[in-house]
């Protein structure tokens, strides 16, 4: 059950499954020692971005950061951008924390909560410069597709949090999911496509060394990159 923006409670289908069995001792240690240093605890009111991330001028959110390869790399390359990484897979969070601590990264906070709760409760409207959603779980079985993260309601929530000119990038190697996401993005009147040749470099930067991007490349799978801008 969750609280909507109108304050009403509703039941919600989970878009993820927590898997803890593969966590390593090093990841457990990182969670115990470093999570409190980087965590953005879930609250009932929007954060002040400049207070949580002093010295930054842009705000980016990566939803489902996996092991954190892209999150850590981009934060190191863009030190005036505030990065909020959201991930419920604790082994991945542990691995990310190890890299954040090792590289003394200051401009990242992580949340282990449901992304929809984080956006609803903590992220102010018109504040986000970019959403990055790389290889979300495609839930390929027909009976599970209601669990897919990217649906019309989620995109509407992202658009409300985007600043004018802010972008949403969704990358997937599932053709069916890509078609579904494309239709949702195209139907939103406040978004316009930026998926063009001149944007390829920016998209590839966001894809830097993700495990799923490498896996798709090795298997020869087509990767679909959907990049849209908040234009109104």
C-alpha atoms as a PDB file:
ATOM      1  CA  UNK A   1       0.000   0.000   0.000  1.00  0.00           C
ATOM      2  CA  UNK A   2       1.233   3.497  -0.786  1.00  0.00           C
ATOM      3  CA  UNK A   3       0.210   7.120  -0.509  1.00  0.00           C
ATOM      4  CA  UNK A   4      -0.554   8.943  -3.757  1.00  0.00           C
ATOM      5  CA  UNK A   5       0.033  12.653  -4.403  1.00  0.00           C
ATOM      6  CA  UNK A   6      -3.600  13.307  -3.554  1.00  0.00           C
ATOM      7  CA  UNK A   7      -3.069  11.702  -0.145  1.00  0.00           C
ATOM      8  CA  UNK A   8      -5.169   8.635  -0.858  1.00  0.00           C
ATOM      9  CA  UNK A   9      -3.863   5.154  -0.112  1.00  0.00           C
ATOM     10  CA  UNK A  10      -3.879   2.546  -2.846  1.00  0.00           C
ATOM     11  CA  UNK A  11      -2.541  -0.928  -3.374  1.00  0.00           C
ATOM     12  CA  UNK A  12       0.486  -1.187  -5.623  1.00  0.00           C
ATOM     13  CA  UNK A  13       2.004  -3.958  -7.706  1.00  0.00           C
ATOM     14  CA  UNK A  14       5.698  -4.436  -6.926  1.00  0.00           C
ATOM     15  CA  UNK A  15       8.040  -3.824  -9.845  1.00  0.00           C
ATOM     16  CA  UNK A  16      10.941  -5.685  -8.260  1.00  0.00           C
ATOM     17  CA  UNK A  17      11.870  -8.754  -6.238  1.00  0.00           C
ATOM     18  CA  UNK A  18      14.467  -8.503  -3.493  1.00  0.00           C
ATOM     19  CA  UNK A  19      17.277 -11.058  -3.923  1.00  0.00           C
ATOM     20  CA  UNK A  20      19.713 -11.272  -1.018  1.00  0.00           C
ATOM     21  CA  UNK A  21      21.221 -14.744  -1.472  1.00  0.00           C
ATOM     22  CA  UNK A  22      24.230 -13.638  -3.544  1.00  0.00           C
ATOM     23  CA  UNK A  23      25.502 -10.932  -1.244  1.00  0.00           C
ATOM     24  CA  UNK A  24      29.204 -11.244  -0.438  1.00  0.00           C
ATOM     25  CA  UNK A  25      30.888 -10.588   2.900  1.00  0.00           C
ATOM     26  CA  UNK A  26      32.490  -7.442   1.431  1.00  0.00           C
ATOM     27  CA  UNK A  27      29.094  -6.147   0.304  1.00  0.00           C
ATOM     28  CA  UNK A  28      27.573  -6.872   3.723  1.00  0.00           C
ATOM     29  CA  UNK A  29      30.463  -5.020   5.343  1.00  0.00           C
ATOM     30  CA  UNK A  30      29.976  -2.053   2.999  1.00  0.00           C
ATOM     31  CA  UNK A  31      26.279  -1.865   3.828  1.00  0.00           C
ATOM     32  CA  UNK A  32      27.050  -1.955   7.537  1.00  0.00           C
ATOM     33  CA  UNK A  33      29.857   0.614   7.429  1.00  0.00           C
ATOM     34  CA  UNK A  34      29.080   2.973   4.549  1.00  0.00           C
ATOM     35  CA  UNK A  35      25.330   3.038   3.917  1.00  0.00           C
ATOM     36  CA  UNK A  36      24.736   5.610   6.651  1.00  0.00           C
ATOM     37  CA  UNK A  37      27.309   7.900   4.975  1.00  0.00           C
ATOM     38  CA  UNK A  38      25.602   7.875   1.590  1.00  0.00           C
ATOM     39  CA  UNK A  39      21.986   6.969   2.252  1.00  0.00           C
ATOM     40  CA  UNK A  40      19.084   9.302   1.656  1.00  0.00           C
ATOM     41  CA  UNK A  41      16.537   7.999   4.198  1.00  0.00           C
ATOM     42  CA  UNK A  42      12.915   8.012   3.102  1.00  0.00           C
ATOM     43  CA  UNK A  43      10.995  11.007   4.435  1.00  0.00           C
ATOM     44  CA  UNK A  44       7.490  12.397   4.031  1.00  0.00           C
ATOM     45  CA  UNK A  45       8.536  15.769   2.642  1.00  0.00           C
ATOM     46  CA  UNK A  46      10.593  16.894  -0.375  1.00  0.00           C
ATOM     47  CA  UNK A  47      14.293  17.400   0.129  1.00  0.00           C
ATOM     48  CA  UNK A  48      16.143  20.660  -0.446  1.00  0.00           C
ATOM     49  CA  UNK A  49      18.581  19.593  -3.151  1.00  0.00           C
ATOM     50  CA  UNK A  50      21.109  22.338  -2.386  1.00  0.00           C
ATOM     51  CA  UNK A  51      21.248  21.274   1.272  1.00  0.00           C
ATOM     52  CA  UNK A  52      21.595  17.552   0.594  1.00  0.00           C
ATOM     53  CA  UNK A  53      24.106  18.161  -2.211  1.00  0.00           C
ATOM     54  CA  UNK A  54      26.007  21.376  -1.400  1.00  0.00           C
ATOM     55  CA  UNK A  55      28.111  22.826  -4.192  1.00  0.00           C
ATOM     56  CA  UNK A  56      26.143  21.221  -7.026  1.00  0.00           C
ATOM     57  CA  UNK A  57      24.186  22.940  -9.788  1.00  0.00           C
ATOM     58  CA  UNK A  58      22.378  20.032 -11.510  1.00  0.00           C
ATOM     59  CA  UNK A  59      20.317  17.113 -10.215  1.00  0.00           C
ATOM     60  CA  UNK A  60      20.229  13.657 -11.820  1.00  0.00           C
ATOM     61  CA  UNK A  61      18.437  10.501 -10.707  1.00  0.00           C
ATOM     62  CA  UNK A  62      19.369   6.984 -11.805  1.00  0.00           C
ATOM     63  CA  UNK A  63      16.546   4.544 -11.146  1.00  0.00           C
ATOM     64  CA  UNK A  64      17.778   0.988 -10.670  1.00  0.00           C
ATOM     65  CA  UNK A  65      21.521   1.581 -10.694  1.00  0.00           C
ATOM     66  CA  UNK A  66      22.439  -2.113 -10.397  1.00  0.00           C
ATOM     67  CA  UNK A  67      26.045  -2.389  -9.224  1.00  0.00           C
ATOM     68  CA  UNK A  68      26.555   1.349  -9.602  1.00  0.00           C
ATOM     69  CA  UNK A  69      29.099   1.344 -12.451  1.00  0.00           C
ATOM     70  CA  UNK A  70      27.415   4.149 -14.377  1.00  0.00           C
ATOM     71  CA  UNK A  71      26.407   6.054 -11.264  1.00  0.00           C
ATOM     72  CA  UNK A  72      29.935   6.176  -9.831  1.00  0.00           C
ATOM     73  CA  UNK A  73      31.584   6.888 -13.171  1.00  0.00           C
ATOM     74  CA  UNK A  74      29.287   9.752 -14.078  1.00  0.00           C
ATOM     75  CA  UNK A  75      29.486  11.278 -10.602  1.00  0.00           C
ATOM     76  CA  UNK A  76      33.280  11.315 -10.854  1.00  0.00           C
ATOM     77  CA  UNK A  77      33.113  12.929 -14.299  1.00  0.00           C
ATOM     78  CA  UNK A  78      30.475  15.532 -13.337  1.00  0.00           C
ATOM     79  CA  UNK A  79      31.303  16.750  -9.854  1.00  0.00           C
ATOM     80  CA  UNK A  80      28.889  19.702  -9.915  1.00  0.00           C
ATOM     81  CA  UNK A  81      25.964  17.376 -10.630  1.00  0.00           C
ATOM     82  CA  UNK A  82      24.089  15.865  -7.696  1.00  0.00           C
ATOM     83  CA  UNK A  83      23.303  12.181  -8.240  1.00  0.00           C
ATOM     84  CA  UNK A  84      20.595  10.252  -6.463  1.00  0.00           C
ATOM     85  CA  UNK A  85      20.809   6.523  -7.152  1.00  0.00           C
ATOM     86  CA  UNK A  86      17.817   4.336  -6.357  1.00  0.00           C
ATOM     87  CA  UNK A  87      18.241   0.572  -6.056  1.00  0.00           C
ATOM     88  CA  UNK A  88      16.502  -2.120  -3.997  1.00  0.00           C
ATOM     89  CA  UNK A  89      19.023  -4.888  -4.792  1.00  0.00           C
ATOM     90  CA  UNK A  90      21.209  -4.789  -1.703  1.00  0.00           C
ATOM     91  CA  UNK A  91      24.209  -6.726  -3.090  1.00  0.00           C
ATOM     92  CA  UNK A  92      24.376  -4.107  -5.845  1.00  0.00           C
ATOM     93  CA  UNK A  93      24.057  -1.302  -3.313  1.00  0.00           C
ATOM     94  CA  UNK A  94      26.903  -2.839  -1.315  1.00  0.00           C
ATOM     95  CA  UNK A  95      29.140  -2.990  -4.388  1.00  0.00           C
ATOM     96  CA  UNK A  96      28.290   0.611  -5.247  1.00  0.00           C
ATOM     97  CA  UNK A  97      29.076   1.765  -1.711  1.00  0.00           C
ATOM     98  CA  UNK A  98      32.500   0.141  -1.905  1.00  0.00           C
ATOM     99  CA  UNK A  99      33.288   2.150  -5.030  1.00  0.00           C
ATOM    100  CA  UNK A 100      31.892   5.402  -3.639  1.00  0.00           C
ATOM    101  CA  UNK A 101      34.035   5.037  -0.536  1.00  0.00           C
ATOM    102  CA  UNK A 102      37.145   3.893  -2.415  1.00  0.00           C
ATOM    103  CA  UNK A 103      36.974   6.866  -4.786  1.00  0.00           C
ATOM    104  CA  UNK A 104      35.854   9.379  -2.145  1.00  0.00           C
ATOM    105  CA  UNK A 105      32.828  10.410  -4.203  1.00  0.00           C
ATOM    106  CA  UNK A 106      30.970  13.284  -2.565  1.00  0.00           C
ATOM    107  CA  UNK A 107      28.096  14.071  -4.942  1.00  0.00           C
ATOM    108  CA  UNK A 108      26.088  10.832  -4.663  1.00  0.00           C
ATOM    109  CA  UNK A 109      23.329   9.706  -2.330  1.00  0.00           C
ATOM    110  CA  UNK A 110      21.606   6.335  -2.533  1.00  0.00           C
ATOM    111  CA  UNK A 111      18.142   5.143  -1.663  1.00  0.00           C
ATOM    112  CA  UNK A 112      17.149   1.514  -1.152  1.00  0.00           C
ATOM    113  CA  UNK A 113      13.425   2.296  -1.296  1.00  0.00           C
ATOM    114  CA  UNK A 114      10.823   1.876  -4.017  1.00  0.00           C
ATOM    115  CA  UNK A 115      11.541   4.518  -6.668  1.00  0.00           C
ATOM    116  CA  UNK A 116       7.901   5.549  -6.787  1.00  0.00           C
ATOM    117  CA  UNK A 117       7.897   6.334  -3.059  1.00  0.00           C
ATOM    118  CA  UNK A 118      11.121   8.305  -3.382  1.00  0.00           C
ATOM    119  CA  UNK A 119       9.745  10.398  -6.252  1.00  0.00           C
ATOM    120  CA  UNK A 120       6.363  10.915  -4.623  1.00  0.00           C
ATOM    121  CA  UNK A 121       7.624  11.830  -1.178  1.00  0.00           C
ATOM    122  CA  UNK A 122      11.117  13.241  -1.520  1.00  0.00           C
ATOM    123  CA  UNK A 123      11.814  14.706  -4.943  1.00  0.00           C
ATOM    124  CA  UNK A 124      10.573  18.280  -5.514  1.00  0.00           C
ATOM    125  CA  UNK A 125       8.670  19.183  -8.665  1.00  0.00           C
ATOM    126  CA  UNK A 126      10.593  20.880 -11.492  1.00  0.00           C
ATOM    127  CA  UNK A 127      14.008  20.098  -9.921  1.00  0.00           C
ATOM    128  CA  UNK A 128      15.421  17.112 -11.807  1.00  0.00           C
ATOM    129  CA  UNK A 129      17.637  17.698 -14.839  1.00  0.00           C
ATOM    130  CA  UNK A 130      17.793  14.077 -15.940  1.00  0.00           C
ATOM    131  CA  UNK A 131      16.331  10.680 -15.222  1.00  0.00           C
ATOM    132  CA  UNK A 132      18.453   7.687 -16.207  1.00  0.00           C
ATOM    133  CA  UNK A 133      16.744   4.285 -16.392  1.00  0.00           C
ATOM    134  CA  UNK A 134      19.110   1.657 -17.778  1.00  0.00           C
ATOM    135  CA  UNK A 135      17.892  -1.861 -18.509  1.00  0.00           C
ATOM    136  CA  UNK A 136      14.881  -1.983 -16.158  1.00  0.00           C
ATOM    137  CA  UNK A 137      13.627  -5.488 -15.414  1.00  0.00           C
ATOM    138  CA  UNK A 138      11.567  -6.423 -18.529  1.00  0.00           C
ATOM    139  CA  UNK A 139       9.399  -8.977 -16.714  1.00  0.00           C
ATOM    140  CA  UNK A 140       9.075 -10.893 -20.010  1.00  0.00           C
ATOM    141  CA  UNK A 141       6.284 -13.279 -19.030  1.00  0.00           C
ATOM    142  CA  UNK A 142       2.895 -11.920 -20.058  1.00  0.00           C
ATOM    143  CA  UNK A 143       1.381 -12.426 -16.604  1.00  0.00           C
ATOM    144  CA  UNK A 144       4.203 -10.394 -15.022  1.00  0.00           C
ATOM    145  CA  UNK A 145       4.136  -7.372 -17.321  1.00  0.00           C
ATOM    146  CA  UNK A 146       2.038  -5.404 -14.869  1.00  0.00           C
ATOM    147  CA  UNK A 147       5.213  -5.340 -12.737  1.00  0.00           C
ATOM    148  CA  UNK A 148       7.154  -3.263 -15.252  1.00  0.00           C
ATOM    149  CA  UNK A 149       8.439  -0.049 -13.712  1.00  0.00           C
ATOM    150  CA  UNK A 150       7.982   2.220 -16.706  1.00  0.00           C
ATOM    151  CA  UNK A 151       4.284   2.821 -17.231  1.00  0.00           C
ATOM    152  CA  UNK A 152       2.191   5.918 -17.927  1.00  0.00           C
ATOM    153  CA  UNK A 153       1.812   6.817 -14.253  1.00  0.00           C
ATOM    154  CA  UNK A 154       5.540   6.528 -13.586  1.00  0.00           C
ATOM    155  CA  UNK A 155       6.429   8.684 -16.583  1.00  0.00           C
ATOM    156  CA  UNK A 156       3.882  11.307 -15.544  1.00  0.00           C
ATOM    157  CA  UNK A 157       5.513  11.395 -12.112  1.00  0.00           C
ATOM    158  CA  UNK A 158       8.967  11.777 -13.670  1.00  0.00           C
ATOM    159  CA  UNK A 159       7.761  14.582 -15.934  1.00  0.00           C
ATOM    160  CA  UNK A 160       6.334  16.469 -12.967  1.00  0.00           C
ATOM    161  CA  UNK A 161       9.728  16.268 -11.246  1.00  0.00           C
ATOM    162  CA  UNK A 162      11.667  17.326 -14.366  1.00  0.00           C
ATOM    163  CA  UNK A 163      12.825  20.870 -14.913  1.00  0.00           C
ATOM    164  CA  UNK A 164      11.963  22.354 -18.308  1.00  0.00           C
ATOM    165  CA  UNK A 165      14.604  21.025 -20.681  1.00  0.00           C
ATOM    166  CA  UNK A 166      15.286  18.051 -18.415  1.00  0.00           C
ATOM    167  CA  UNK A 167      15.579  14.612 -19.993  1.00  0.00           C
ATOM    168  CA  UNK A 168      14.414  11.046 -19.490  1.00  0.00           C
ATOM    169  CA  UNK A 169      16.606   8.254 -20.863  1.00  0.00           C
ATOM    170  CA  UNK A 170      15.262   4.696 -20.939  1.00  0.00           C
ATOM    171  CA  UNK A 171      17.498   1.950 -22.314  1.00  0.00           C
ATOM    172  CA  UNK A 172      16.429  -1.669 -22.774  1.00  0.00           C
ATOM    173  CA  UNK A 173      17.344  -4.702 -24.844  1.00  0.00           C
ATOM    174  CA  UNK A 174      13.741  -5.953 -24.762  1.00  0.00           C
ATOM    175  CA  UNK A 175      12.025  -4.990 -28.028  1.00  0.00           C
ATOM    176  CA  UNK A 176       8.588  -5.498 -26.521  1.00  0.00           C
ATOM    177  CA  UNK A 177       9.376  -3.281 -23.532  1.00  0.00           C
ATOM    178  CA  UNK A 178      10.974  -0.680 -25.810  1.00  0.00           C
ATOM    179  CA  UNK A 179       7.805  -0.474 -27.894  1.00  0.00           C
ATOM    180  CA  UNK A 180       5.683  -0.094 -24.769  1.00  0.00           C
ATOM    181  CA  UNK A 181       7.919   2.653 -23.376  1.00  0.00           C
ATOM    182  CA  UNK A 182       8.070   4.435 -26.735  1.00  0.00           C
ATOM    183  CA  UNK A 183       4.281   4.599 -26.914  1.00  0.00           C
ATOM    184  CA  UNK A 184       4.089   5.964 -23.368  1.00  0.00           C
ATOM    185  CA  UNK A 185       6.721   8.634 -24.023  1.00  0.00           C
ATOM    186  CA  UNK A 186       5.141   9.640 -27.330  1.00  0.00           C
ATOM    187  CA  UNK A 187       1.719   9.993 -25.727  1.00  0.00           C
ATOM    188  CA  UNK A 188       2.941  12.432 -23.060  1.00  0.00           C
ATOM    189  CA  UNK A 189       2.233  15.976 -24.347  1.00  0.00           C
ATOM    190  CA  UNK A 190       5.106  17.487 -22.341  1.00  0.00           C
ATOM    191  CA  UNK A 191       7.837  15.337 -23.884  1.00  0.00           C
ATOM    192  CA  UNK A 192       9.603  15.490 -27.222  1.00  0.00           C
ATOM    193  CA  UNK A 193      11.999  12.958 -28.681  1.00  0.00           C
ATOM    194  CA  UNK A 194      15.745  13.598 -28.678  1.00  0.00           C
ATOM    195  CA  UNK A 195      16.624  10.146 -29.968  1.00  0.00           C
ATOM    196  CA  UNK A 196      18.566  11.342 -32.983  1.00  0.00           C
ATOM    197  CA  UNK A 197      22.038  10.876 -34.386  1.00  0.00           C
ATOM    198  CA  UNK A 198      23.356  14.048 -32.766  1.00  0.00           C
ATOM    199  CA  UNK A 199      22.375  12.700 -29.346  1.00  0.00           C
ATOM    200  CA  UNK A 200      24.215   9.385 -29.715  1.00  0.00           C
ATOM    201  CA  UNK A 201      27.309  10.566 -27.838  1.00  0.00           C
ATOM    202  CA  UNK A 202      25.255  11.724 -24.849  1.00  0.00           C
ATOM    203  CA  UNK A 203      23.369   8.434 -24.757  1.00  0.00           C
ATOM    204  CA  UNK A 204      26.553   6.384 -24.948  1.00  0.00           C
ATOM    205  CA  UNK A 205      28.037   8.378 -22.058  1.00  0.00           C
ATOM    206  CA  UNK A 206      25.094   7.346 -19.897  1.00  0.00           C
ATOM    207  CA  UNK A 207      25.576   3.736 -20.969  1.00  0.00           C
ATOM    208  CA  UNK A 208      29.163   3.640 -19.776  1.00  0.00           C
ATOM    209  CA  UNK A 209      30.164   0.092 -18.866  1.00  0.00           C
ATOM    210  CA  UNK A 210      26.846  -1.135 -17.508  1.00  0.00           C
ATOM    211  CA  UNK A 211      26.866  -4.885 -16.972  1.00  0.00           C
ATOM    212  CA  UNK A 212      23.681  -5.293 -19.013  1.00  0.00           C
ATOM    213  CA  UNK A 213      25.041  -3.173 -21.874  1.00  0.00           C
ATOM    214  CA  UNK A 214      28.107  -5.420 -22.028  1.00  0.00           C
ATOM    215  CA  UNK A 215      25.928  -8.534 -21.879  1.00  0.00           C
ATOM    216  CA  UNK A 216      23.706  -7.263 -24.696  1.00  0.00           C
ATOM    217  CA  UNK A 217      26.753  -6.425 -26.802  1.00  0.00           C
ATOM    218  CA  UNK A 218      28.294  -9.858 -26.324  1.00  0.00           C
ATOM    219  CA  UNK A 219      25.053 -11.641 -27.185  1.00  0.00           C
ATOM    220  CA  UNK A 220      24.393  -9.450 -30.215  1.00  0.00           C
ATOM    221  CA  UNK A 221      21.094  -8.198 -28.794  1.00  0.00           C
ATOM    222  CA  UNK A 222      19.747  -4.910 -30.089  1.00  0.00           C
ATOM    223  CA  UNK A 223      19.775  -2.112 -27.520  1.00  0.00           C
ATOM    224  CA  UNK A 224      16.968   0.463 -27.705  1.00  0.00           C
ATOM    225  CA  UNK A 225      17.800   3.972 -26.470  1.00  0.00           C
ATOM    226  CA  UNK A 226      14.846   6.285 -25.847  1.00  0.00           C
ATOM    227  CA  UNK A 227      15.813   9.855 -24.961  1.00  0.00           C
ATOM    228  CA  UNK A 228      13.093  12.477 -24.413  1.00  0.00           C
ATOM    229  CA  UNK A 229      13.090  16.092 -23.215  1.00  0.00           C
ATOM    230  CA  UNK A 230      10.602  18.012 -21.084  1.00  0.00           C
ATOM    231  CA  UNK A 231       9.624  20.717 -23.545  1.00  0.00           C
ATOM    232  CA  UNK A 232       6.643  22.417 -21.903  1.00  0.00           C
END
